[in-house]
């Protein structure tokens, strides 16, 4: 399914992807250059393995002045970094099962992140880097703060 959130400013309760009930106040999905992270929302308490859900929609790339790079149905790589910037997860591709990803205006992308140290607890960020098959010097990135419980 496709997620649609626009102008949300209230309290939201729902079941997180690990089965716990989570509540987020005035939290919107994070967006960068056509990539919108739907789950997890910023500052969510999470456990691993962690399901990540995102939408890539580059239809407003001219307005934004950028677009999120996708190649062969992969919208880049996801990593988890601790507070010191050390990578503490395996590199995870953010990929879609949409066979029409090149022609549909938006597609859902997913990934399942696994930590290298499953005992790690505390503040961290999920770091997204767009596909860089074109070899650009500074690929777009997006960080989502999380708390690993």
C-alpha atoms as a PDB file:
ATOM      1  CA  UNK A   1       0.000   0.000   0.000  1.00  0.00           C
ATOM      2  CA  UNK A   2       0.933   3.626  -0.375  1.00  0.00           C
ATOM      3  CA  UNK A   3       1.072   5.904   2.647  1.00  0.00           C
ATOM      4  CA  UNK A   4      -0.295   9.440   2.431  1.00  0.00           C
ATOM      5  CA  UNK A   5       0.418  11.993   5.121  1.00  0.00           C
ATOM      6  CA  UNK A   6       0.031  15.725   4.532  1.00  0.00           C
ATOM      7  CA  UNK A   7      -0.209  18.467   7.106  1.00  0.00           C
ATOM      8  CA  UNK A   8      -0.475  16.106  10.070  1.00  0.00           C
ATOM      9  CA  UNK A   9      -0.066  18.001  13.364  1.00  0.00           C
ATOM     10  CA  UNK A  10      -1.850  15.963  16.017  1.00  0.00           C
ATOM     11  CA  UNK A  11      -1.077  13.008  18.218  1.00  0.00           C
ATOM     12  CA  UNK A  12      -0.866   9.646  16.544  1.00  0.00           C
ATOM     13  CA  UNK A  13      -0.962   6.259  18.218  1.00  0.00           C
ATOM     14  CA  UNK A  14      -0.201   3.146  16.339  1.00  0.00           C
ATOM     15  CA  UNK A  15       1.538  -0.161  16.457  1.00  0.00           C
ATOM     16  CA  UNK A  16       5.181   0.091  15.565  1.00  0.00           C
ATOM     17  CA  UNK A  17       6.771  -2.501  13.330  1.00  0.00           C
ATOM     18  CA  UNK A  18       8.114  -4.376  16.364  1.00  0.00           C
ATOM     19  CA  UNK A  19       4.632  -4.761  17.929  1.00  0.00           C
ATOM     20  CA  UNK A  20       4.949  -2.073  20.625  1.00  0.00           C
ATOM     21  CA  UNK A  21       2.441   0.767  20.858  1.00  0.00           C
ATOM     22  CA  UNK A  22       4.131   4.022  19.916  1.00  0.00           C
ATOM     23  CA  UNK A  23       2.861   7.577  20.247  1.00  0.00           C
ATOM     24  CA  UNK A  24       4.265  10.515  18.311  1.00  0.00           C
ATOM     25  CA  UNK A  25       3.318  14.160  18.914  1.00  0.00           C
ATOM     26  CA  UNK A  26       3.456  16.671  16.072  1.00  0.00           C
ATOM     27  CA  UNK A  27       5.790  14.441  14.131  1.00  0.00           C
ATOM     28  CA  UNK A  28       5.811  14.350  10.375  1.00  0.00           C
ATOM     29  CA  UNK A  29       7.785  12.000   8.187  1.00  0.00           C
ATOM     30  CA  UNK A  30      11.237  13.284   7.257  1.00  0.00           C
ATOM     31  CA  UNK A  31      11.693  14.283   3.608  1.00  0.00           C
ATOM     32  CA  UNK A  32      14.733  15.083   1.446  1.00  0.00           C
ATOM     33  CA  UNK A  33      14.845  15.626  -2.330  1.00  0.00           C
ATOM     34  CA  UNK A  34      11.866  13.375  -3.070  1.00  0.00           C
ATOM     35  CA  UNK A  35      12.553  10.709  -0.409  1.00  0.00           C
ATOM     36  CA  UNK A  36       9.988  10.535   2.419  1.00  0.00           C
ATOM     37  CA  UNK A  37      10.616   8.235   5.375  1.00  0.00           C
ATOM     38  CA  UNK A  38       7.277   6.901   6.619  1.00  0.00           C
ATOM     39  CA  UNK A  39       8.514   4.471   9.256  1.00  0.00           C
ATOM     40  CA  UNK A  40      10.206   4.922  11.627  1.00  0.00           C
ATOM     41  CA  UNK A  41       9.271   8.494  12.481  1.00  0.00           C
ATOM     42  CA  UNK A  42      11.954  10.716  14.066  1.00  0.00           C
ATOM     43  CA  UNK A  43      12.845  10.024  17.715  1.00  0.00           C
ATOM     44  CA  UNK A  44      10.948   6.725  17.792  1.00  0.00           C
ATOM     45  CA  UNK A  45      12.119   4.039  20.219  1.00  0.00           C
ATOM     46  CA  UNK A  46      12.986   1.031  18.064  1.00  0.00           C
ATOM     47  CA  UNK A  47      14.352  -2.478  18.270  1.00  0.00           C
ATOM     48  CA  UNK A  48      16.050  -4.610  15.638  1.00  0.00           C
ATOM     49  CA  UNK A  49      15.736  -6.047  13.094  1.00  0.00           C
ATOM     50  CA  UNK A  50      13.966  -2.843  12.009  1.00  0.00           C
ATOM     51  CA  UNK A  51      11.634  -2.459   9.028  1.00  0.00           C
ATOM     52  CA  UNK A  52      12.043   0.840   7.177  1.00  0.00           C
ATOM     53  CA  UNK A  53       9.358   2.160   4.829  1.00  0.00           C
ATOM     54  CA  UNK A  54       9.841   5.072   2.465  1.00  0.00           C
ATOM     55  CA  UNK A  55       8.354   6.669  -0.636  1.00  0.00           C
ATOM     56  CA  UNK A  56      10.370   8.104  -3.497  1.00  0.00           C
ATOM     57  CA  UNK A  57       8.487  10.728  -5.485  1.00  0.00           C
ATOM     58  CA  UNK A  58      10.600  12.983  -7.699  1.00  0.00           C
ATOM     59  CA  UNK A  59       7.690  14.829  -9.357  1.00  0.00           C
ATOM     60  CA  UNK A  60       8.626  18.078  -7.529  1.00  0.00           C
ATOM     61  CA  UNK A  61      12.346  17.910  -8.310  1.00  0.00           C
ATOM     62  CA  UNK A  62      12.332  21.256 -10.176  1.00  0.00           C
ATOM     63  CA  UNK A  63      10.684  23.017  -7.218  1.00  0.00           C
ATOM     64  CA  UNK A  64      13.026  21.334  -4.722  1.00  0.00           C
ATOM     65  CA  UNK A  65      16.134  21.795  -6.857  1.00  0.00           C
ATOM     66  CA  UNK A  66      17.058  18.146  -6.322  1.00  0.00           C
ATOM     67  CA  UNK A  67      15.780  14.595  -6.741  1.00  0.00           C
ATOM     68  CA  UNK A  68      16.469  11.313  -4.971  1.00  0.00           C
ATOM     69  CA  UNK A  69      18.609   8.945  -7.060  1.00  0.00           C
ATOM     70  CA  UNK A  70      17.277   5.469  -7.805  1.00  0.00           C
ATOM     71  CA  UNK A  71      19.015   2.805  -9.904  1.00  0.00           C
ATOM     72  CA  UNK A  72      17.769  -0.700 -10.711  1.00  0.00           C
ATOM     73  CA  UNK A  73      14.864  -0.314  -8.215  1.00  0.00           C
ATOM     74  CA  UNK A  74      17.241   0.557  -5.343  1.00  0.00           C
ATOM     75  CA  UNK A  75      16.991   4.009  -3.742  1.00  0.00           C
ATOM     76  CA  UNK A  76      20.342   3.860  -2.020  1.00  0.00           C
ATOM     77  CA  UNK A  77      21.729   2.449   1.198  1.00  0.00           C
ATOM     78  CA  UNK A  78      20.601   2.621   4.824  1.00  0.00           C
ATOM     79  CA  UNK A  79      23.012   2.558   7.777  1.00  0.00           C
ATOM     80  CA  UNK A  80      22.577   3.060  11.512  1.00  0.00           C
ATOM     81  CA  UNK A  81      25.182   5.262  13.209  1.00  0.00           C
ATOM     82  CA  UNK A  82      25.782   5.813  16.915  1.00  0.00           C
ATOM     83  CA  UNK A  83      26.154   9.294  18.470  1.00  0.00           C
ATOM     84  CA  UNK A  84      29.821   9.385  17.424  1.00  0.00           C
ATOM     85  CA  UNK A  85      29.037   8.619  13.779  1.00  0.00           C
ATOM     86  CA  UNK A  86      30.297   5.031  13.916  1.00  0.00           C
ATOM     87  CA  UNK A  87      28.336   2.667  11.647  1.00  0.00           C
ATOM     88  CA  UNK A  88      26.735  -0.010  13.846  1.00  0.00           C
ATOM     89  CA  UNK A  89      24.612  -1.828  11.264  1.00  0.00           C
ATOM     90  CA  UNK A  90      25.001  -3.779   8.091  1.00  0.00           C
ATOM     91  CA  UNK A  91      24.565  -1.743   4.892  1.00  0.00           C
ATOM     92  CA  UNK A  92      20.965  -2.263   3.808  1.00  0.00           C
ATOM     93  CA  UNK A  93      19.584  -1.488   0.343  1.00  0.00           C
ATOM     94  CA  UNK A  94      16.342   0.502   0.193  1.00  0.00           C
ATOM     95  CA  UNK A  95      14.481  -1.324  -2.572  1.00  0.00           C
ATOM     96  CA  UNK A  96      11.070  -1.589  -4.197  1.00  0.00           C
ATOM     97  CA  UNK A  97       8.999  -4.450  -5.528  1.00  0.00           C
ATOM     98  CA  UNK A  98       7.153  -2.070  -7.875  1.00  0.00           C
ATOM     99  CA  UNK A  99       7.933  -3.284 -11.386  1.00  0.00           C
ATOM    100  CA  UNK A 100       6.918   0.134 -12.729  1.00  0.00           C
ATOM    101  CA  UNK A 101       9.286   2.111 -10.482  1.00  0.00           C
ATOM    102  CA  UNK A 102      10.726   4.000 -13.486  1.00  0.00           C
ATOM    103  CA  UNK A 103       7.337   5.237 -14.720  1.00  0.00           C
ATOM    104  CA  UNK A 104       5.130   5.502 -11.612  1.00  0.00           C
ATOM    105  CA  UNK A 105       5.272   8.976 -10.038  1.00  0.00           C
ATOM    106  CA  UNK A 106       5.940   7.438  -6.616  1.00  0.00           C
ATOM    107  CA  UNK A 107       6.979   4.038  -5.348  1.00  0.00           C
ATOM    108  CA  UNK A 108       7.236   2.475  -1.906  1.00  0.00           C
ATOM    109  CA  UNK A 109      10.715   1.320  -0.875  1.00  0.00           C
ATOM    110  CA  UNK A 110      11.588  -0.925   2.057  1.00  0.00           C
ATOM    111  CA  UNK A 111      14.563  -2.299   3.898  1.00  0.00           C
ATOM    112  CA  UNK A 112      15.209  -4.410   6.988  1.00  0.00           C
ATOM    113  CA  UNK A 113      18.138  -3.186   9.071  1.00  0.00           C
ATOM    114  CA  UNK A 114      20.176  -5.494  11.288  1.00  0.00           C
ATOM    115  CA  UNK A 115      22.600  -4.182  13.931  1.00  0.00           C
ATOM    116  CA  UNK A 116      26.115  -5.581  14.100  1.00  0.00           C
ATOM    117  CA  UNK A 117      25.881  -5.398  17.923  1.00  0.00           C
ATOM    118  CA  UNK A 118      22.359  -6.438  18.944  1.00  0.00           C
ATOM    119  CA  UNK A 119      23.137  -5.355  22.553  1.00  0.00           C
ATOM    120  CA  UNK A 120      23.584  -1.675  21.600  1.00  0.00           C
ATOM    121  CA  UNK A 121      21.143   0.690  23.353  1.00  0.00           C
ATOM    122  CA  UNK A 122      20.810   4.467  23.149  1.00  0.00           C
ATOM    123  CA  UNK A 123      20.564   7.359  20.714  1.00  0.00           C
ATOM    124  CA  UNK A 124      21.450   6.784  17.089  1.00  0.00           C
ATOM    125  CA  UNK A 125      20.510   7.909  13.581  1.00  0.00           C
ATOM    126  CA  UNK A 126      19.322   6.030  10.550  1.00  0.00           C
ATOM    127  CA  UNK A 127      21.441   7.399   7.708  1.00  0.00           C
ATOM    128  CA  UNK A 128      20.075   7.240   4.151  1.00  0.00           C
ATOM    129  CA  UNK A 129      22.335   7.816   1.139  1.00  0.00           C
ATOM    130  CA  UNK A 130      20.819   8.006  -2.327  1.00  0.00           C
ATOM    131  CA  UNK A 131      21.984   5.676  -5.089  1.00  0.00           C
ATOM    132  CA  UNK A 132      25.190   7.066  -6.524  1.00  0.00           C
ATOM    133  CA  UNK A 133      25.612   5.016  -9.694  1.00  0.00           C
ATOM    134  CA  UNK A 134      26.359   8.259 -11.577  1.00  0.00           C
ATOM    135  CA  UNK A 135      29.392   8.885  -9.340  1.00  0.00           C
ATOM    136  CA  UNK A 136      28.371  12.370  -8.145  1.00  0.00           C
ATOM    137  CA  UNK A 137      30.663  13.977  -5.576  1.00  0.00           C
ATOM    138  CA  UNK A 138      28.040  14.665  -2.912  1.00  0.00           C
ATOM    139  CA  UNK A 139      25.057  12.293  -3.033  1.00  0.00           C
ATOM    140  CA  UNK A 140      21.955  13.402  -1.125  1.00  0.00           C
ATOM    141  CA  UNK A 141      21.581  12.036   2.405  1.00  0.00           C
ATOM    142  CA  UNK A 142      18.981  12.085   5.150  1.00  0.00           C
ATOM    143  CA  UNK A 143      19.326  11.281   8.869  1.00  0.00           C
ATOM    144  CA  UNK A 144      16.453  10.148  11.105  1.00  0.00           C
ATOM    145  CA  UNK A 145      17.161  10.303  14.863  1.00  0.00           C
ATOM    146  CA  UNK A 146      16.067   7.185  16.768  1.00  0.00           C
ATOM    147  CA  UNK A 147      16.450   5.655  20.212  1.00  0.00           C
ATOM    148  CA  UNK A 148      17.436   1.989  20.288  1.00  0.00           C
ATOM    149  CA  UNK A 149      15.821   0.203  23.201  1.00  0.00           C
END
